Amino acid sequence: MRLGGLLAVGRALRADRAGATAITTGLLMVVGLGFVGLGVDVGAAYNARRAAQNAADSAAFSGAAAAMGGDPNVALQARAVADRYGMVHGEDGVTVEVNSPASRGAYAANPQAVEVIVTRPMKRFFAAFLGAEEGVVRARAVAVAGSAGDGCIIALNPSVGDAILINGGVTVTAAGCSVYSNSASNRSMTANGPSTVDAKSVELVGQLLRNGPGVITGPVNTGVPTVADPYRDVGVPAYAHLPCETPHIITSGQTLNPQRKPIVVYCTGLTVQTLQTVTFNPGIYVVEGPLIFNGNVVVRGDGVTFVMTNRGTGPIPSVTVNGASADIELSAPSSGPMGGILFYQDGRAGSGSNIFNGGSRARFRGALYFPSQAVIFNGGTDVTSGGCTQLIANRITFNGAARLAMDCAGMPLRGPGGSRTELVE
């Protein structure tokens, strides 16, 4: 039929007063509304399914990462992540099932696999008027935990000489773990005088320079590939909306507690003065000025991270731990965005040094992460901390004895040489 004929039929239907057209139109509107309703329900179902899948993916990955770090509460960690997506186990008909190994599939026999199954009700809208029952959305994901690397001393600078420098008479113990230097220099690591390095292995992109009768236990491998910064994906937590805390100089014994959990901000730095006892309650302490622990102090903190950064273009602050019998016991969080990290320095930092002076008894459990600046250990600093201390810096100098290790059950430290956690199903 030609266009003119169609128009004529349309005009005839419009002029018809017999009632059949109204009935036909009404029926067609019902059909049309049905298609609209179906489209709304299909769109809502897609969004519900996508939200559940995002929750399952993130929860499985986080659970596997926790398993990699030795965290025994894998299900708790996975469900905490699902909570952030609005999938709260046991609320509003939502279930978040966590299995390790997976309940089915290719990874059912893999003890490193973490399976998360999210089930949630799905409300129907227009279809409910037609008597359709509410549906159920299910999403499943499986992640496999990687193996933690064994690097507890890692210098990241790719070219500088003496990226790792060990001066005469010093003993550096890397108990059960390895030393890495990314520098391609012929002095990638330099050992001066009668120094001793006790490590599982020494892995150098460049070469080792010995100046004196030093001893290195374990193999020294040169010309190895560069290793990636294991914390390169960790960023500064969002804190710009938070106010500054006072005081920034601790002159009397105090317990510091983030009032705006889990982050507190010291905009002009934080200093613990001599002869003070300070306890840091769990949380993230953002420090925009120098962080200083003076001599003869007692400092305690469990589940804490110190973040050195700033909101603007000024210099990124550094850390100084002075000697004279400082007694420091600090432990990083076992989970969360800063899990495993005790000291975190913003990678925007320019040249500079973080100093751990002699005579202090600093027991650190977690990663000391200074990707753009140097770390200097001076005389007699003890960093055993229960055998779980990892040092990552642009350059590292030992002028005094130090002991580090990665016996870190329950602490999600990352190291080079390990495999990554992956989402596999």
Protein backbone atom coordinates (compact mmCIF):
# COMPACT_ATOMS: atom_id res chain seq x y z
CA MET A 1 0.00 0.00 0.00
CA ARG A 2 1.29 3.41 -0.91
CA LEU A 3 1.85 6.19 1.61
CA GLY A 4 -1.26 8.03 0.44
CA GLY A 5 -3.36 4.97 1.04
CA LEU A 6 -1.97 4.52 4.56
CA LEU A 7 -2.77 8.11 5.41
CA ALA A 8 -6.31 7.68 4.14
CA VAL A 9 -6.80 4.61 6.34
CA GLY A 10 -5.46 6.53 9.35
CA ARG A 11 -7.90 9.40 8.70
CA ALA A 12 -10.77 6.94 8.38
CA LEU A 13 -9.92 5.26 11.68
CA ARG A 14 -9.72 8.62 13.40
CA ALA A 15 -13.12 9.60 12.07
CA ASP A 16 -14.73 6.28 12.98
CA ARG A 17 -17.15 6.67 15.92
CA ALA A 18 -18.32 3.05 16.04
CA GLY A 19 -16.14 2.15 19.11
CA ALA A 20 -14.08 -0.66 17.58
CA THR A 21 -11.13 1.64 17.11
CA ALA A 22 -11.13 2.66 20.76
CA ILE A 23 -11.09 -0.97 21.82
CA THR A 24 -8.28 -1.77 19.40
CA THR A 25 -6.29 1.23 20.56
CA GLY A 26 -6.77 0.27 24.20
CA LEU A 27 -5.56 -3.25 23.53
CA LEU A 28 -2.55 -1.93 21.66
CA MET A 29 -1.73 0.41 24.58
CA VAL A 30 -1.80 -2.55 26.97
CA VAL A 31 0.59 -4.42 24.70
CA GLY A 32 2.79 -1.34 24.42
CA LEU A 33 2.86 -0.84 28.18
CA GLY A 34 3.72 -4.49 28.54
CA PHE A 35 6.76 -4.04 26.34
CA VAL A 36 7.75 -0.93 28.31
CA GLY A 37 7.36 -2.84 31.55
CA LEU A 38 9.42 -5.71 30.18
CA GLY A 39 12.16 -3.27 29.20
CA VAL A 40 12.19 -1.72 32.66
CA ASP A 41 12.38 -5.11 34.34
CA VAL A 42 15.13 -6.32 31.98
CA GLY A 43 17.15 -3.15 32.67
CA ALA A 44 16.66 -3.47 36.42
CA ALA A 45 17.66 -7.14 36.25
CA TYR A 46 20.82 -6.26 34.33
CA ASN A 47 21.79 -3.58 36.85
CA ALA A 48 21.11 -5.90 39.78
CA ARG A 49 23.15 -8.66 38.18
CA ARG A 50 26.03 -6.28 37.41
CA ALA A 51 26.09 -4.93 40.97
CA ALA A 52 26.10 -8.44 42.43
CA GLN A 53 28.89 -9.51 40.06
CA ASN A 54 31.03 -6.49 40.93
CA ALA A 55 30.59 -7.32 44.61
CA ALA A 56 31.50 -10.97 44.05
CA ASP A 57 34.58 -10.11 41.96
CA SER A 58 35.95 -7.60 44.45
CA ALA A 59 35.16 -9.77 47.45
CA ALA A 60 36.83 -12.84 45.95
CA PHE A 61 39.93 -10.87 44.97
CA SER A 62 40.22 -9.25 48.41
CA GLY A 63 39.69 -12.59 50.12
CA ALA A 64 42.43 -14.20 48.04
CA ALA A 65 44.78 -11.30 48.79
CA ALA A 66 44.07 -11.76 52.49
CA ALA A 67 44.78 -15.49 52.15
CA MET A 68 48.07 -14.66 50.44
CA GLY A 69 49.03 -12.57 53.46
CA GLY A 70 48.17 -15.38 55.86
CA ASP A 71 44.98 -13.79 57.20
CA PRO A 72 42.88 -16.56 58.78
CA ASN A 73 39.67 -14.50 58.44
CA VAL A 74 39.25 -14.76 54.67
CA ALA A 75 35.45 -14.90 54.82
CA LEU A 76 35.33 -11.85 57.09
CA GLN A 77 37.54 -9.87 54.70
CA ALA A 78 35.53 -10.91 51.63
CA ARG A 79 32.21 -10.01 53.24
CA ALA A 80 33.55 -6.66 54.42
CA VAL A 81 34.33 -5.82 50.78
CA ALA A 82 30.89 -7.01 49.62
CA ASP A 83 29.38 -4.68 52.25
CA ARG A 84 30.78 -1.70 50.36
CA TYR A 85 28.68 -2.68 47.36
CA GLY A 86 25.54 -2.83 49.47
CA MET A 87 25.62 -6.65 49.62
CA VAL A 88 25.47 -7.14 53.38
CA HIS A 89 25.36 -10.80 54.33
CA GLY A 90 22.17 -11.63 56.23
CA GLU A 91 20.37 -8.36 55.48
CA ASP A 92 17.45 -7.81 53.06
CA GLY A 93 17.65 -11.38 51.82
CA VAL A 94 21.30 -11.07 50.73
CA THR A 95 23.74 -13.94 51.26
CA VAL A 96 27.48 -13.77 50.63
CA GLU A 97 28.84 -17.31 50.61
CA VAL A 98 32.62 -17.64 50.85
CA ASN A 99 34.36 -20.93 50.09
CA SER A 100 38.05 -21.84 50.05
CA PRO A 101 38.74 -23.90 48.02
CA ALA A 102 35.95 -23.28 45.52
CA SER A 103 32.83 -25.43 45.78
CA ARG A 104 32.94 -26.38 42.10
CA GLY A 105 34.76 -25.72 38.86
CA ALA A 106 38.41 -25.93 37.86
CA TYR A 107 39.65 -24.63 41.23
CA ALA A 108 37.62 -26.89 43.52
CA ALA A 109 40.81 -28.63 44.72
CA ASN A 110 43.00 -25.52 44.97
CA PRO A 111 43.47 -24.42 48.59
CA GLN A 112 44.60 -20.98 47.38
CA ALA A 113 41.29 -20.37 45.62
CA VAL A 114 38.60 -18.20 47.20
CA GLU A 115 35.06 -18.44 45.82
CA VAL A 116 32.38 -15.87 46.57
CA ILE A 117 28.72 -16.41 45.66
CA VAL A 118 26.41 -13.43 46.11
CA THR A 119 22.67 -14.07 46.15
CA ARG A 120 20.13 -11.28 46.39
CA PRO A 121 16.42 -10.87 45.68
CA MET A 122 15.43 -8.90 42.61
CA LYS A 123 12.25 -6.87 42.66
CA ARG A 124 10.08 -6.79 39.56
CA PHE A 125 8.15 -3.67 38.64
CA PHE A 126 5.62 -3.87 35.80
CA ALA A 127 5.81 -7.66 35.61
CA ALA A 128 4.54 -7.83 39.20
CA PHE A 129 1.15 -6.50 37.98
CA LEU A 130 0.93 -9.55 35.74
CA GLY A 131 1.41 -11.90 38.69
CA ALA A 132 5.13 -12.62 38.19
CA GLU A 133 7.02 -13.53 41.35
CA GLU A 134 10.13 -11.70 42.52
CA GLY A 135 13.31 -13.11 41.07
CA VAL A 136 16.71 -14.01 42.52
CA VAL A 137 20.06 -12.73 41.27
CA ARG A 138 23.17 -14.87 41.74
CA ALA A 139 26.76 -13.91 40.97
CA ARG A 140 29.88 -16.01 41.43
CA ALA A 141 33.60 -15.23 41.29
CA VAL A 142 36.78 -17.16 42.04
CA ALA A 143 40.20 -15.65 42.73
CA VAL A 144 43.46 -17.45 43.39
CA ALA A 145 45.97 -16.12 45.88
CA GLY A 146 49.45 -15.46 44.57
CA SER A 147 52.62 -16.37 46.38
CA ALA A 148 54.27 -13.67 48.41
CA GLY A 149 57.73 -12.68 47.26
CA ASP A 150 60.67 -13.01 49.58
CA GLY A 151 62.25 -9.56 49.26
CA CYS A 152 62.68 -7.76 52.58
CA ILE A 153 65.31 -5.20 51.42
CA ILE A 154 64.52 -3.60 48.07
CA ALA A 155 66.25 -0.59 46.47
CA LEU A 156 64.18 0.77 43.56
CA ASN A 157 66.53 3.31 41.93
CA PRO A 158 67.31 2.02 38.41
CA SER A 159 70.71 3.58 37.84
CA VAL A 160 72.42 5.17 40.85
CA GLY A 161 75.68 3.81 42.25
CA ASP A 162 75.55 2.43 45.82
CA ALA A 163 71.80 1.91 45.63
CA ILE A 164 72.43 -0.39 48.60
CA LEU A 165 75.43 0.73 50.64
CA ILE A 166 76.73 -1.25 53.61
CA ASN A 167 79.54 0.45 55.47
CA GLY A 168 82.37 -1.15 57.43
CA GLY A 169 81.77 -3.27 60.51
CA VAL A 170 78.02 -3.53 59.92
CA THR A 171 75.96 -6.71 60.07
CA VAL A 172 72.77 -6.72 58.02
CA THR A 173 70.58 -9.76 58.53
CA ALA A 174 67.80 -10.56 56.08
CA ALA A 175 66.49 -13.60 57.92
CA GLY A 176 65.03 -16.08 55.42
CA CYS A 177 64.50 -13.40 52.78
CA SER A 178 66.34 -11.74 49.91
CA VAL A 179 68.01 -8.43 49.09
CA TYR A 180 67.14 -6.74 45.77
CA SER A 181 68.65 -3.78 43.94
CA ASN A 182 67.19 -2.48 40.67
CA SER A 183 70.22 -0.33 39.90
CA ALA A 184 72.06 -1.29 36.72
CA SER A 185 75.23 0.39 38.01
CA ASN A 186 78.47 -1.51 38.45
CA ARG A 187 77.99 -0.49 42.09
CA SER A 188 74.42 -1.67 42.37
CA MET A 189 75.35 -2.77 45.88
CA THR A 190 78.54 -1.81 47.71
CA ALA A 191 79.89 -3.56 50.79
CA ASN A 192 82.66 -1.64 52.54
CA GLY A 193 85.10 -2.97 55.13
CA PRO A 194 84.44 -6.04 57.30
CA SER A 195 80.68 -5.91 56.82
CA THR A 196 78.46 -8.96 56.89
CA VAL A 197 75.29 -9.59 54.90
CA ASP A 198 73.30 -12.65 55.88
CA ALA A 199 70.50 -13.21 53.36
CA LYS A 200 68.68 -15.95 51.49
CA SER A 201 70.09 -14.39 48.33
CA VAL A 202 71.28 -11.07 46.91
CA GLU A 203 69.63 -10.17 43.58
CA LEU A 204 71.28 -7.32 41.62
CA VAL A 205 70.41 -5.86 38.24
CA GLY A 206 73.93 -4.43 38.15
CA GLN A 207 77.10 -5.55 39.92
CA LEU A 208 78.40 -5.99 43.46
CA LEU A 209 81.41 -3.96 44.63
CA ARG A 210 83.37 -5.28 47.61
CA ASN A 211 85.78 -2.97 49.39
CA GLY A 212 87.32 -5.10 52.12
CA PRO A 213 87.00 -8.53 53.70
CA GLY A 214 83.22 -8.52 54.00
CA VAL A 215 81.16 -11.70 54.09
CA ILE A 216 77.96 -12.35 52.17
CA THR A 217 76.13 -15.57 52.93
CA GLY A 218 73.77 -16.90 50.33
CA PRO A 219 74.24 -16.60 46.56
CA VAL A 220 74.86 -13.26 44.85
CA ASN A 221 73.09 -13.10 41.49
CA THR A 222 73.96 -10.25 39.11
CA GLY A 223 72.38 -9.18 35.86
CA VAL A 224 68.92 -10.21 37.05
CA PRO A 225 65.75 -8.57 35.65
CA THR A 226 64.36 -5.46 37.30
CA VAL A 227 61.67 -6.16 39.88
CA ALA A 228 58.49 -4.13 40.09
CA ASP A 229 57.65 -1.92 43.02
CA PRO A 230 55.27 -4.20 44.95
CA TYR A 231 53.23 -1.28 46.36
CA ARG A 232 53.08 0.85 43.22
CA ASP A 233 49.28 0.57 43.06
CA VAL A 234 48.73 1.85 46.62
CA GLY A 235 47.70 5.49 46.73
CA VAL A 236 47.36 8.17 49.38
CA PRO A 237 43.96 7.77 51.08
CA ALA A 238 41.38 10.50 50.50
CA TYR A 239 41.67 12.97 53.35
CA ALA A 240 41.37 16.49 51.90
CA HIS A 241 37.99 16.99 53.55
CA LEU A 242 39.39 16.39 57.05
CA PRO A 243 40.56 19.13 59.44
CA CYS A 244 43.96 19.41 61.07
CA GLU A 245 44.58 17.88 64.48
CA THR A 246 46.44 19.46 67.38
CA PRO A 247 48.81 19.28 69.08
CA HIS A 248 51.48 18.32 66.61
CA ILE A 249 54.21 18.26 69.28
CA ILE A 250 53.68 15.66 71.98
CA THR A 251 55.19 16.96 75.21
CA SER A 252 53.37 14.69 77.66
CA GLY A 253 52.27 11.08 77.63
CA GLN A 254 49.20 10.67 75.42
CA THR A 255 47.04 8.16 73.65
CA LEU A 256 46.29 9.37 70.14
CA ASN A 257 43.01 8.21 68.69
CA PRO A 258 41.66 9.14 65.26
CA GLN A 259 38.43 10.96 66.10
CA ARG A 260 37.35 10.88 62.47
CA LYS A 261 38.08 7.22 61.97
CA PRO A 262 39.91 5.78 60.29
CA ILE A 263 42.04 8.81 59.33
CA VAL A 264 43.53 11.67 61.33
CA VAL A 265 45.58 14.52 59.83
CA TYR A 266 48.55 16.44 61.30
CA CYS A 267 49.05 19.34 58.91
CA THR A 268 52.30 20.71 60.35
CA GLY A 269 54.00 17.44 61.20
CA LEU A 270 54.10 15.27 64.31
CA THR A 271 56.90 15.16 66.90
CA VAL A 272 57.15 12.99 69.98
CA GLN A 273 59.45 14.84 72.36
CA THR A 274 62.13 13.25 74.56
CA LEU A 275 61.02 11.25 77.64
CA GLN A 276 57.41 10.88 76.48
CA THR A 277 55.24 7.76 76.24
CA VAL A 278 52.72 7.76 73.39
CA THR A 279 50.23 5.16 72.20
CA PHE A 280 48.76 5.34 68.71
CA ASN A 281 45.38 3.67 68.47
CA PRO A 282 44.53 1.84 65.21
CA GLY A 283 44.06 4.07 62.20
CA ILE A 284 45.78 6.01 59.42
CA TYR A 285 47.85 9.02 60.53
CA VAL A 286 48.41 11.46 57.66
CA VAL A 287 51.41 13.68 58.40
CA GLU A 288 52.00 16.75 56.23
CA GLY A 289 55.18 17.82 58.02
CA PRO A 290 58.18 15.97 59.47
CA LEU A 291 57.47 12.88 61.54
CA ILE A 292 59.99 12.74 64.41
CA PHE A 293 60.44 10.30 67.26
CA ASN A 294 63.07 11.74 69.59
CA GLY A 295 65.39 9.89 71.96
CA ASN A 296 64.26 8.28 75.21
CA VAL A 297 60.67 7.94 74.07
CA VAL A 298 58.34 4.98 74.37
CA VAL A 299 56.01 4.64 71.37
CA ARG A 300 53.39 1.93 70.88
CA GLY A 301 50.87 1.35 68.12
CA ASP A 302 49.05 -1.65 66.66
CA GLY A 303 47.19 -1.48 63.35
CA VAL A 304 48.61 1.89 62.33
CA THR A 305 49.92 3.46 59.13
CA PHE A 306 51.83 6.75 58.95
CA VAL A 307 51.33 8.46 55.58
CA MET A 308 53.80 11.21 54.66
CA THR A 309 52.26 13.49 52.04
CA ASN A 310 50.70 16.95 51.54
CA ARG A 311 47.65 18.46 49.88
CA GLY A 312 49.51 20.96 47.77
CA THR A 313 52.82 21.43 46.01
CA GLY A 314 55.09 21.69 49.04
CA PRO A 315 57.77 19.14 49.95
CA ILE A 316 56.74 15.67 50.99
CA PRO A 317 57.87 15.16 54.62
CA SER A 318 60.34 12.58 55.86
CA VAL A 319 60.74 10.41 58.97
CA THR A 320 63.42 10.71 61.65
CA VAL A 321 63.85 8.25 64.51
CA ASN A 322 66.50 9.58 66.86
CA GLY A 323 68.71 7.37 69.00
CA ALA A 324 69.47 7.45 72.74
CA SER A 325 67.30 4.54 73.79
CA ALA A 326 64.12 5.21 71.86
CA ASP A 327 61.82 2.24 72.47
CA ILE A 328 59.35 1.87 69.61
CA GLU A 329 56.91 -0.94 68.83
CA LEU A 330 54.66 -0.33 65.85
CA SER A 331 52.59 -2.72 63.75
CA ALA A 332 50.79 -2.14 60.44
CA PRO A 333 47.13 -3.01 59.78
CA SER A 334 46.48 -6.60 58.73
CA SER A 335 43.82 -5.60 56.18
CA GLY A 336 42.25 -2.59 54.51
CA PRO A 337 43.61 -0.12 51.94
CA MET A 338 46.94 0.27 53.78
CA GLY A 339 47.16 -3.36 54.87
CA GLY A 340 50.74 -4.39 55.64
CA ILE A 341 52.16 -0.84 55.31
CA LEU A 342 53.54 0.84 58.43
CA PHE A 343 55.27 3.89 56.88
CA TYR A 344 54.08 5.12 53.48
CA GLN A 345 55.76 8.06 51.78
CA ASP A 346 54.05 9.68 48.82
CA GLY A 347 55.92 8.84 45.62
CA ARG A 348 55.88 12.55 44.68
CA ALA A 349 58.67 13.13 47.20
CA GLY A 350 61.81 14.63 45.77
CA SER A 351 65.33 13.84 46.88
CA GLY A 352 65.84 13.47 50.60
CA SER A 353 66.54 10.97 53.35
CA ASN A 354 64.66 9.25 56.14
CA ILE A 355 66.89 8.65 59.15
CA PHE A 356 66.80 5.86 61.71
CA ASN A 357 69.52 6.82 64.15
CA GLY A 358 71.63 4.58 66.32
CA GLY A 359 70.78 3.32 69.77
CA SER A 360 67.05 2.97 69.14
CA ARG A 361 65.13 -0.24 69.70
CA ALA A 362 62.62 0.02 66.89
CA ARG A 363 60.52 -3.08 66.43
CA PHE A 364 58.57 -2.52 63.25
CA ARG A 365 56.05 -5.03 61.94
CA GLY A 366 55.12 -4.12 58.39
CA ALA A 367 56.53 -2.38 55.32
CA LEU A 368 58.66 0.76 55.48
CA TYR A 369 57.91 2.22 52.06
CA PHE A 370 59.88 5.22 50.72
CA PRO A 371 59.85 4.80 46.90
CA SER A 372 61.40 8.18 46.02
CA GLN A 373 63.75 8.89 48.92
CA ALA A 374 66.66 7.25 50.68
CA VAL A 375 66.58 5.45 54.01
CA ILE A 376 69.65 5.56 56.27
CA PHE A 377 70.13 3.25 59.25
CA ASN A 378 72.76 4.61 61.62
CA GLY A 379 74.44 2.48 64.27
CA GLY A 380 72.70 -0.26 66.15
CA THR A 381 69.09 0.06 65.06
CA ASP A 382 67.14 -3.12 65.80
CA VAL A 383 64.18 -3.62 63.47
CA THR A 384 63.33 -7.22 64.30
CA SER A 385 59.65 -6.65 65.20
CA GLY A 386 58.82 -10.32 65.49
CA GLY A 387 60.50 -11.15 62.20
CA CYS A 388 58.25 -9.11 59.91
CA THR A 389 59.97 -5.97 58.64
CA GLN A 390 60.27 -5.05 54.98
CA LEU A 391 62.28 -2.07 53.77
CA ILE A 392 61.59 -0.58 50.33
CA ALA A 393 63.26 2.69 49.36
CA ASN A 394 64.83 4.51 46.46
CA ARG A 395 68.27 4.00 48.06
CA ILE A 396 69.29 2.24 51.28
CA THR A 397 72.37 2.83 53.44
CA PHE A 398 73.35 0.80 56.50
CA ASN A 399 75.80 2.50 58.83
CA GLY A 400 74.77 0.27 61.72
CA ALA A 401 73.47 -3.21 62.34
CA ALA A 402 69.93 -4.06 61.26
CA ARG A 403 67.84 -7.20 61.13
CA LEU A 404 64.87 -7.68 58.82
CA ALA A 405 62.72 -10.70 57.99
CA MET A 406 59.44 -11.67 56.35
CA ASP A 407 58.02 -14.26 58.71
CA CYS A 408 54.72 -12.44 58.41
CA ALA A 409 51.71 -14.69 59.08
CA GLY A 410 48.61 -12.50 59.16
CA MET A 411 50.40 -9.52 57.61
CA PRO A 412 49.78 -8.98 53.86
CA LEU A 413 53.28 -7.85 52.87
CA ARG A 414 54.10 -7.97 49.18
CA GLY A 415 57.44 -8.81 47.73
CA PRO A 416 59.11 -9.16 44.33
CA GLY A 417 59.51 -12.62 42.92
CA GLY A 418 56.02 -13.80 43.85
CA SER A 419 52.95 -14.37 41.72
CA ARG A 420 50.02 -11.99 41.81
CA THR A 421 46.51 -12.65 43.06
CA GLU A 422 44.24 -13.18 40.04
CA LEU A 423 40.53 -13.35 39.33
CA VAL A 424 40.14 -16.64 37.43
CA GLU A 425 36.39 -17.35 37.23
